[in-house]
Amino acid sequence: MKNNERALPIFGVGPVYVVSCLILTVTAVILKNHRILRVGDIPSFKMPMILVGAIFIFVGVLLWLYSVVIQKISEEIKNGSLLTTGVYSLVRNPIYSAFSFVFTGILIMENNVFLLILPIFFWIYLTVLLKLTEEKWLLEKFGEEYVSYCRCVNRIIPWFPKK
């Protein structure tokens, strides 16, 4: 298919990922606060965990604001463009990363070792979702340009691009 023949969906698998991870995060917090997951609490790390969790949430909000508000990803999708600059040069899916950071921050702030299993699940879940859907769509639409981009930029975890 040619570059402009197929329009990409604006939201992709985002709603499925975000809603399911939100449900898991809220459920975990409720279980922890009702003392069901009390076993994994680490009382001596409460303040550091709150600080680290707040940093994660802050980074998530910044990622979301930069990718949605500043870089206006929805306009790029409507125009059929592959956005590879700005925050998209650090991570291919900054909006999904943003939600992952926020959910992880919330779980870290709960200061329970067992809740820290969920971010690993979120990462695996998102990786599978993206490989089965959006990455196939982008490969079909952008071909080698997308393959080159994938070689240089991480899928979910923001990092400096590989040259």
N, C-alpha and C. Protein backbone atom coordinates (compact mmCIF):
# COMPACT_ATOMS: atom_id res chain seq x y z
N MET A 1 0.84 -1.19 0.00
CA MET A 1 0.00 0.00 0.00
C MET A 1 0.87 1.24 0.00
N LYS A 2 0.40 2.26 -0.63
CA LYS A 2 1.09 3.54 -0.67
C LYS A 2 0.90 4.28 0.64
N ASN A 3 1.73 5.28 0.85
CA ASN A 3 1.77 6.03 2.09
C ASN A 3 0.43 6.63 2.50
N ASN A 4 -0.38 7.11 1.58
CA ASN A 4 -1.61 7.80 1.93
C ASN A 4 -2.88 6.99 1.69
N GLU A 5 -2.75 5.72 1.29
CA GLU A 5 -3.95 4.94 0.97
C GLU A 5 -4.75 4.53 2.20
N ARG A 6 -4.10 4.26 3.29
CA ARG A 6 -4.80 3.78 4.48
C ARG A 6 -4.63 4.77 5.62
N ALA A 7 -5.74 5.21 6.17
CA ALA A 7 -5.68 6.12 7.32
C ALA A 7 -5.52 5.30 8.59
N LEU A 8 -4.64 5.76 9.46
CA LEU A 8 -4.44 5.09 10.74
C LEU A 8 -5.48 5.58 11.74
N PRO A 9 -5.91 4.70 12.65
CA PRO A 9 -6.86 5.14 13.68
C PRO A 9 -6.17 6.11 14.64
N ILE A 10 -6.90 7.13 15.07
CA ILE A 10 -6.35 8.14 15.98
C ILE A 10 -5.97 7.51 17.32
N PHE A 11 -6.80 6.66 17.87
CA PHE A 11 -6.56 6.12 19.21
C PHE A 11 -5.83 4.80 19.23
N GLY A 12 -5.78 4.06 18.14
CA GLY A 12 -5.11 2.77 18.12
C GLY A 12 -5.65 1.85 19.20
N VAL A 13 -4.75 1.14 19.88
CA VAL A 13 -5.16 0.24 20.95
C VAL A 13 -5.14 0.94 22.31
N GLY A 14 -4.95 2.24 22.30
CA GLY A 14 -4.84 3.01 23.52
C GLY A 14 -5.96 2.81 24.52
N PRO A 15 -7.21 2.97 24.10
CA PRO A 15 -8.29 2.79 25.07
C PRO A 15 -8.30 1.41 25.73
N VAL A 16 -8.01 0.37 24.97
CA VAL A 16 -7.98 -0.98 25.53
C VAL A 16 -6.87 -1.08 26.57
N TYR A 17 -5.69 -0.61 26.22
CA TYR A 17 -4.55 -0.67 27.13
C TYR A 17 -4.78 0.17 28.37
N VAL A 18 -5.16 1.42 28.18
CA VAL A 18 -5.30 2.34 29.32
C VAL A 18 -6.40 1.90 30.27
N VAL A 19 -7.55 1.54 29.74
CA VAL A 19 -8.66 1.14 30.62
C VAL A 19 -8.33 -0.14 31.39
N SER A 20 -7.76 -1.12 30.72
CA SER A 20 -7.45 -2.37 31.43
C SER A 20 -6.36 -2.17 32.47
N CYS A 21 -5.34 -1.38 32.16
CA CYS A 21 -4.28 -1.11 33.16
C CYS A 21 -4.79 -0.23 34.29
N LEU A 22 -5.70 0.69 33.99
CA LEU A 22 -6.31 1.51 35.02
C LEU A 22 -7.11 0.64 35.99
N ILE A 23 -7.88 -0.28 35.44
CA ILE A 23 -8.68 -1.19 36.29
C ILE A 23 -7.76 -2.01 37.19
N LEU A 24 -6.68 -2.53 36.63
CA LEU A 24 -5.74 -3.32 37.44
C LEU A 24 -5.07 -2.47 38.52
N THR A 25 -4.69 -1.25 38.16
CA THR A 25 -4.04 -0.36 39.13
C THR A 25 -4.99 0.01 40.26
N VAL A 26 -6.21 0.40 39.92
CA VAL A 26 -7.20 0.76 40.94
C VAL A 26 -7.52 -0.44 41.83
N THR A 27 -7.68 -1.60 41.23
CA THR A 27 -7.96 -2.82 42.00
C THR A 27 -6.82 -3.11 42.97
N ALA A 28 -5.58 -2.99 42.48
CA ALA A 28 -4.42 -3.25 43.34
C ALA A 28 -4.37 -2.27 44.51
N VAL A 29 -4.64 -0.99 44.25
CA VAL A 29 -4.62 0.02 45.30
C VAL A 29 -5.73 -0.26 46.32
N ILE A 30 -6.91 -0.63 45.84
CA ILE A 30 -8.01 -0.95 46.75
C ILE A 30 -7.66 -2.16 47.62
N LEU A 31 -7.12 -3.20 47.01
CA LEU A 31 -6.74 -4.39 47.77
C LEU A 31 -5.67 -4.05 48.82
N LYS A 32 -4.72 -3.24 48.43
CA LYS A 32 -3.66 -2.85 49.36
C LYS A 32 -4.22 -2.01 50.50
N ASN A 33 -5.09 -1.08 50.19
CA ASN A 33 -5.64 -0.20 51.22
C ASN A 33 -6.68 -0.89 52.11
N HIS A 34 -7.16 -2.02 51.67
CA HIS A 34 -8.06 -2.82 52.52
C HIS A 34 -7.29 -3.92 53.25
N ARG A 35 -5.97 -3.75 53.26
CA ARG A 35 -5.07 -4.63 54.00
C ARG A 35 -4.99 -6.06 53.46
N ILE A 36 -5.49 -6.31 52.27
CA ILE A 36 -5.42 -7.65 51.70
C ILE A 36 -4.00 -7.96 51.24
N LEU A 37 -3.28 -6.93 50.74
CA LEU A 37 -1.89 -7.11 50.29
C LEU A 37 -0.90 -6.51 51.28
N ARG A 38 -1.19 -6.56 52.53
CA ARG A 38 -0.34 -5.97 53.57
C ARG A 38 1.02 -6.66 53.65
N VAL A 39 1.10 -7.92 53.27
CA VAL A 39 2.31 -8.71 53.41
C VAL A 39 3.52 -8.08 52.71
N GLY A 40 3.32 -7.45 51.58
CA GLY A 40 4.45 -6.90 50.82
C GLY A 40 4.85 -5.50 51.19
N ASP A 41 4.26 -4.92 52.20
CA ASP A 41 4.59 -3.55 52.61
C ASP A 41 6.03 -3.44 53.09
N ILE A 42 6.65 -2.30 52.79
CA ILE A 42 8.02 -2.03 53.21
C ILE A 42 8.00 -0.70 53.97
N PRO A 43 7.68 -0.72 55.26
CA PRO A 43 7.49 0.52 56.03
C PRO A 43 8.70 1.44 56.03
N SER A 44 9.91 0.90 56.03
CA SER A 44 11.10 1.75 56.11
C SER A 44 11.36 2.54 54.82
N PHE A 45 10.69 2.18 53.72
CA PHE A 45 10.89 2.86 52.45
C PHE A 45 9.71 3.76 52.05
N LYS A 46 8.80 4.00 52.97
CA LYS A 46 7.58 4.73 52.63
C LYS A 46 7.85 6.09 51.97
N MET A 47 8.65 6.92 52.59
CA MET A 47 8.90 8.26 52.03
C MET A 47 9.67 8.21 50.71
N PRO A 48 10.76 7.42 50.62
CA PRO A 48 11.45 7.34 49.32
C PRO A 48 10.54 6.82 48.20
N MET A 49 9.68 5.86 48.53
CA MET A 49 8.77 5.31 47.52
C MET A 49 7.74 6.35 47.07
N ILE A 50 7.28 7.16 48.00
CA ILE A 50 6.35 8.23 47.63
C ILE A 50 7.04 9.21 46.70
N LEU A 51 8.28 9.56 47.01
CA LEU A 51 9.04 10.48 46.16
C LEU A 51 9.28 9.90 44.77
N VAL A 52 9.72 8.66 44.71
CA VAL A 52 9.97 8.01 43.41
C VAL A 52 8.66 7.89 42.62
N GLY A 53 7.59 7.52 43.29
CA GLY A 53 6.28 7.41 42.62
C GLY A 53 5.84 8.75 42.07
N ALA A 54 6.03 9.82 42.84
CA ALA A 54 5.66 11.16 42.37
C ALA A 54 6.49 11.57 41.15
N ILE A 55 7.76 11.19 41.13
CA ILE A 55 8.61 11.49 39.97
C ILE A 55 8.09 10.74 38.75
N PHE A 56 7.74 9.48 38.91
CA PHE A 56 7.18 8.70 37.80
C PHE A 56 5.91 9.35 37.26
N ILE A 57 5.03 9.76 38.16
CA ILE A 57 3.78 10.40 37.73
C ILE A 57 4.08 11.70 36.99
N PHE A 58 5.00 12.50 37.51
CA PHE A 58 5.39 13.76 36.88
C PHE A 58 5.94 13.52 35.47
N VAL A 59 6.83 12.54 35.33
CA VAL A 59 7.40 12.21 34.01
C VAL A 59 6.29 11.75 33.07
N GLY A 60 5.35 10.96 33.56
CA GLY A 60 4.23 10.51 32.74
C GLY A 60 3.38 11.66 32.24
N VAL A 61 3.08 12.59 33.12
CA VAL A 61 2.28 13.76 32.72
C VAL A 61 3.04 14.59 31.69
N LEU A 62 4.34 14.79 31.90
CA LEU A 62 5.14 15.54 30.92
C LEU A 62 5.16 14.85 29.55
N LEU A 63 5.36 13.54 29.56
CA LEU A 63 5.36 12.79 28.29
C LEU A 63 4.04 12.97 27.55
N TRP A 64 2.95 12.84 28.30
CA TRP A 64 1.64 12.97 27.68
C TRP A 64 1.44 14.38 27.12
N LEU A 65 1.73 15.38 27.93
CA LEU A 65 1.55 16.77 27.48
C LEU A 65 2.40 17.07 26.25
N TYR A 66 3.64 16.63 26.27
CA TYR A 66 4.53 16.92 25.15
C TYR A 66 4.05 16.23 23.88
N SER A 67 3.66 14.96 23.97
CA SER A 67 3.28 14.23 22.77
C SER A 67 1.91 14.62 22.24
N VAL A 68 0.98 14.93 23.12
CA VAL A 68 -0.39 15.23 22.68
C VAL A 68 -0.59 16.73 22.43
N VAL A 69 -0.17 17.55 23.37
CA VAL A 69 -0.44 18.99 23.28
C VAL A 69 0.60 19.71 22.43
N ILE A 70 1.88 19.48 22.72
CA ILE A 70 2.93 20.22 22.02
C ILE A 70 3.16 19.67 20.62
N GLN A 71 3.33 18.36 20.51
CA GLN A 71 3.60 17.78 19.19
C GLN A 71 2.34 17.44 18.40
N LYS A 72 1.19 17.52 19.01
CA LYS A 72 -0.10 17.34 18.34
C LYS A 72 -0.13 16.08 17.47
N ILE A 73 0.06 14.94 18.11
CA ILE A 73 0.12 13.68 17.40
C ILE A 73 -1.15 13.40 16.59
N SER A 74 -2.31 13.82 17.09
CA SER A 74 -3.54 13.52 16.35
C SER A 74 -3.54 14.20 14.98
N GLU A 75 -2.95 15.39 14.88
CA GLU A 75 -2.86 16.06 13.57
C GLU A 75 -1.90 15.31 12.65
N GLU A 76 -0.80 14.81 13.20
CA GLU A 76 0.15 14.06 12.39
C GLU A 76 -0.48 12.77 11.87
N ILE A 77 -1.28 12.12 12.70
CA ILE A 77 -1.96 10.90 12.27
C ILE A 77 -2.96 11.23 11.16
N LYS A 78 -3.73 12.30 11.33
CA LYS A 78 -4.69 12.70 10.30
C LYS A 78 -4.00 13.04 8.99
N ASN A 79 -2.79 13.62 9.08
CA ASN A 79 -2.02 13.96 7.88
C ASN A 79 -1.30 12.76 7.28
N GLY A 80 -1.34 11.63 7.97
CA GLY A 80 -0.67 10.43 7.47
C GLY A 80 0.84 10.49 7.60
N SER A 81 1.33 11.22 8.60
CA SER A 81 2.77 11.39 8.80
C SER A 81 3.30 10.47 9.90
N LEU A 82 4.55 10.07 9.73
CA LEU A 82 5.25 9.33 10.78
C LEU A 82 6.07 10.33 11.57
N LEU A 83 5.69 10.55 12.81
CA LEU A 83 6.36 11.54 13.64
C LEU A 83 7.56 10.88 14.33
N THR A 84 8.75 11.42 14.05
CA THR A 84 9.99 10.84 14.59
C THR A 84 10.87 11.88 15.29
N THR A 85 10.33 13.06 15.54
CA THR A 85 11.11 14.12 16.17
C THR A 85 10.58 14.40 17.58
N GLY A 86 11.27 15.28 18.29
CA GLY A 86 10.84 15.63 19.64
C GLY A 86 10.83 14.41 20.54
N VAL A 87 9.79 14.26 21.33
CA VAL A 87 9.69 13.12 22.24
C VAL A 87 9.61 11.80 21.47
N TYR A 88 9.14 11.85 20.24
CA TYR A 88 9.06 10.64 19.41
C TYR A 88 10.44 10.18 18.94
N SER A 89 11.47 10.97 19.18
CA SER A 89 12.83 10.52 18.91
C SER A 89 13.43 9.80 20.12
N LEU A 90 12.72 9.86 21.25
CA LEU A 90 13.16 9.17 22.47
C LEU A 90 12.39 7.89 22.75
N VAL A 91 11.14 7.85 22.27
CA VAL A 91 10.28 6.68 22.48
C VAL A 91 9.22 6.66 21.39
N ARG A 92 8.95 5.49 20.82
CA ARG A 92 8.00 5.41 19.72
C ARG A 92 6.56 5.60 20.15
N ASN A 93 6.25 5.31 21.39
CA ASN A 93 4.87 5.38 21.89
C ASN A 93 4.81 6.19 23.18
N PRO A 94 5.08 7.49 23.12
CA PRO A 94 5.15 8.28 24.36
C PRO A 94 3.83 8.38 25.11
N ILE A 95 2.72 8.30 24.43
CA ILE A 95 1.43 8.39 25.13
C ILE A 95 1.22 7.13 25.97
N TYR A 96 1.50 5.96 25.40
CA TYR A 96 1.39 4.73 26.17
C TYR A 96 2.43 4.72 27.29
N SER A 97 3.63 5.21 27.00
CA SER A 97 4.66 5.32 28.03
C SER A 97 4.18 6.21 29.17
N ALA A 98 3.52 7.30 28.81
CA ALA A 98 3.03 8.25 29.82
C ALA A 98 2.07 7.55 30.78
N PHE A 99 1.12 6.81 30.24
CA PHE A 99 0.17 6.11 31.10
C PHE A 99 0.88 5.04 31.93
N SER A 100 1.84 4.35 31.33
CA SER A 100 2.61 3.35 32.08
C SER A 100 3.37 3.99 33.24
N PHE A 101 3.96 5.16 32.99
CA PHE A 101 4.67 5.87 34.05
C PHE A 101 3.72 6.28 35.17
N VAL A 102 2.55 6.79 34.81
CA VAL A 102 1.59 7.23 35.83
C VAL A 102 1.10 6.03 36.66
N PHE A 103 0.71 4.96 35.99
CA PHE A 103 0.23 3.78 36.72
C PHE A 103 1.34 3.21 37.60
N THR A 104 2.56 3.15 37.07
CA THR A 104 3.69 2.65 37.85
C THR A 104 3.97 3.55 39.04
N GLY A 105 3.89 4.86 38.84
CA GLY A 105 4.08 5.80 39.94
C GLY A 105 3.08 5.60 41.06
N ILE A 106 1.84 5.40 40.68
CA ILE A 106 0.79 5.14 41.68
C ILE A 106 1.12 3.87 42.46
N LEU A 107 1.52 2.83 41.75
CA LEU A 107 1.84 1.55 42.40
C LEU A 107 3.08 1.68 43.29
N ILE A 108 4.07 2.41 42.86
CA ILE A 108 5.26 2.62 43.68
C ILE A 108 4.89 3.36 44.97
N MET A 109 4.03 4.35 44.86
CA MET A 109 3.62 5.13 46.03
C MET A 109 2.89 4.28 47.07
N GLU A 110 2.33 3.17 46.65
CA GLU A 110 1.64 2.28 47.58
C GLU A 110 2.63 1.50 48.44
N ASN A 111 3.92 1.52 48.08
CA ASN A 111 4.98 0.97 48.91
C ASN A 111 4.76 -0.51 49.25
N ASN A 112 4.48 -1.30 48.21
CA ASN A 112 4.25 -2.73 48.40
C ASN A 112 4.98 -3.48 47.29
N VAL A 113 5.86 -4.36 47.68
CA VAL A 113 6.71 -5.07 46.72
C VAL A 113 5.88 -5.90 45.72
N PHE A 114 4.77 -6.45 46.16
CA PHE A 114 3.97 -7.28 45.26
C PHE A 114 3.30 -6.47 44.15
N LEU A 115 2.99 -5.22 44.43
CA LEU A 115 2.37 -4.37 43.41
C LEU A 115 3.34 -4.02 42.28
N LEU A 116 4.63 -4.15 42.55
CA LEU A 116 5.63 -3.82 41.53
C LEU A 116 5.73 -4.89 40.44
N ILE A 117 4.98 -5.95 40.58
CA ILE A 117 4.88 -6.95 39.51
C ILE A 117 4.01 -6.41 38.37
N LEU A 118 3.04 -5.60 38.71
CA LEU A 118 2.11 -5.08 37.69
C LEU A 118 2.79 -4.28 36.58
N PRO A 119 3.74 -3.38 36.87
CA PRO A 119 4.38 -2.66 35.76
C PRO A 119 5.07 -3.59 34.75
N ILE A 120 5.60 -4.70 35.23
CA ILE A 120 6.20 -5.69 34.31
C ILE A 120 5.11 -6.28 33.42
N PHE A 121 3.98 -6.60 34.03
CA PHE A 121 2.84 -7.08 33.26
C PHE A 121 2.38 -6.03 32.25
N PHE A 122 2.30 -4.76 32.68
CA PHE A 122 1.88 -3.67 31.78
C PHE A 122 2.80 -3.61 30.56
N TRP A 123 4.11 -3.73 30.80
CA TRP A 123 5.09 -3.65 29.71
C TRP A 123 4.90 -4.82 28.73
N ILE A 124 4.75 -6.02 29.25
CA ILE A 124 4.55 -7.20 28.40
C ILE A 124 3.24 -7.07 27.62
N TYR A 125 2.20 -6.69 28.31
CA TYR A 125 0.87 -6.53 27.71
C TYR A 125 0.90 -5.50 26.58
N LEU A 126 1.52 -4.36 26.82
CA LEU A 126 1.60 -3.32 25.79
C LEU A 126 2.46 -3.77 24.62
N THR A 127 3.55 -4.45 24.90
CA THR A 127 4.41 -4.95 23.83
C THR A 127 3.63 -5.88 22.90
N VAL A 128 2.90 -6.80 23.48
CA VAL A 128 2.11 -7.75 22.68
C VAL A 128 1.03 -7.00 21.89
N LEU A 129 0.30 -6.11 22.55
CA LEU A 129 -0.74 -5.34 21.86
C LEU A 129 -0.18 -4.58 20.66
N LEU A 130 0.94 -3.91 20.87
CA LEU A 130 1.52 -3.10 19.80
C LEU A 130 2.03 -3.97 18.65
N LYS A 131 2.67 -5.08 18.97
CA LYS A 131 3.18 -5.96 17.91
C LYS A 131 2.05 -6.53 17.07
N LEU A 132 0.92 -6.82 17.70
CA LEU A 132 -0.20 -7.43 16.97
C LEU A 132 -1.05 -6.42 16.20
N THR A 133 -0.92 -5.14 16.52
CA THR A 133 -1.80 -4.15 15.89
C THR A 133 -1.03 -2.99 15.27
N GLU A 134 -0.74 -1.99 16.05
CA GLU A 134 -0.21 -0.73 15.54
C GLU A 134 1.10 -0.88 14.79
N GLU A 135 1.98 -1.74 15.27
CA GLU A 135 3.25 -1.89 14.57
C GLU A 135 3.05 -2.51 13.18
N LYS A 136 2.09 -3.40 13.06
CA LYS A 136 1.77 -3.96 11.74
C LYS A 136 1.20 -2.88 10.82
N TRP A 137 0.32 -2.05 11.36
CA TRP A 137 -0.28 -0.98 10.56
C TRP A 137 0.79 0.02 10.09
N LEU A 138 1.67 0.38 11.00
CA LEU A 138 2.72 1.35 10.65
C LEU A 138 3.71 0.77 9.65
N LEU A 139 4.05 -0.48 9.81
CA LEU A 139 4.95 -1.14 8.85
C LEU A 139 4.31 -1.18 7.47
N GLU A 140 3.04 -1.49 7.42
CA GLU A 140 2.32 -1.53 6.15
C GLU A 140 2.27 -0.14 5.50
N LYS A 141 2.08 0.87 6.30
CA LYS A 141 1.93 2.22 5.78
C LYS A 141 3.26 2.87 5.43
N PHE A 142 4.29 2.69 6.27
CA PHE A 142 5.54 3.43 6.09
C PHE A 142 6.73 2.58 5.67
N GLY A 143 6.59 1.27 5.70
CA GLY A 143 7.63 0.37 5.20
C GLY A 143 8.99 0.57 5.85
N GLU A 144 10.01 0.71 5.03
CA GLU A 144 11.39 0.79 5.49
C GLU A 144 11.64 2.00 6.39
N GLU A 145 10.93 3.09 6.17
CA GLU A 145 11.07 4.26 7.03
C GLU A 145 10.73 3.89 8.48
N TYR A 146 9.67 3.11 8.65
CA TYR A 146 9.28 2.68 9.99
C TYR A 146 10.27 1.68 10.56
N VAL A 147 10.76 0.77 9.75
CA VAL A 147 11.75 -0.22 10.19
C VAL A 147 13.01 0.49 10.70
N SER A 148 13.48 1.49 9.97
CA SER A 148 14.66 2.25 10.39
C SER A 148 14.41 2.98 11.70
N TYR A 149 13.24 3.56 11.82
CA TYR A 149 12.85 4.26 13.04
C TYR A 149 12.85 3.28 14.22
N CYS A 150 12.30 2.09 14.02
CA CYS A 150 12.24 1.08 15.08
C CYS A 150 13.64 0.65 15.54
N ARG A 151 14.57 0.61 14.62
CA ARG A 151 15.94 0.23 14.97
C ARG A 151 16.60 1.24 15.90
N CYS A 152 16.17 2.49 15.82
CA CYS A 152 16.83 3.57 16.57
C CYS A 152 16.11 3.97 17.84
N VAL A 153 14.82 3.70 17.94
CA VAL A 153 14.02 4.24 19.05
C VAL A 153 13.27 3.12 19.76
N ASN A 154 13.35 3.11 21.10
CA ASN A 154 12.66 2.10 21.91
C ASN A 154 11.14 2.20 21.75
N ARG A 155 10.49 1.08 21.93
CA ARG A 155 9.04 0.99 21.80
C ARG A 155 8.32 1.72 22.94
N ILE A 156 8.72 1.48 24.19
CA ILE A 156 7.94 1.96 25.33
C ILE A 156 8.77 2.77 26.32
N ILE A 157 10.00 2.38 26.54
CA ILE A 157 10.82 3.04 27.54
C ILE A 157 11.64 4.16 26.88
N PRO A 158 11.41 5.40 27.29
CA PRO A 158 12.16 6.52 26.68
C PRO A 158 13.66 6.36 26.92
N TRP A 159 14.42 6.56 25.86
CA TRP A 159 15.86 6.46 25.95
C TRP A 159 16.46 7.22 24.79
N PHE A 160 17.73 7.51 24.88
CA PHE A 160 18.41 8.23 23.81
C PHE A 160 18.44 7.34 22.56
N PRO A 161 18.19 7.92 21.40
CA PRO A 161 18.14 7.12 20.16
C PRO A 161 19.48 6.47 19.83
N LYS A 162 19.40 5.26 19.29
CA LYS A 162 20.59 4.56 18.81
C LYS A 162 20.85 5.07 17.40
N LYS A 163 22.06 5.35 17.09
CA LYS A 163 22.39 5.88 15.75
C LYS A 163 22.86 4.80 14.84
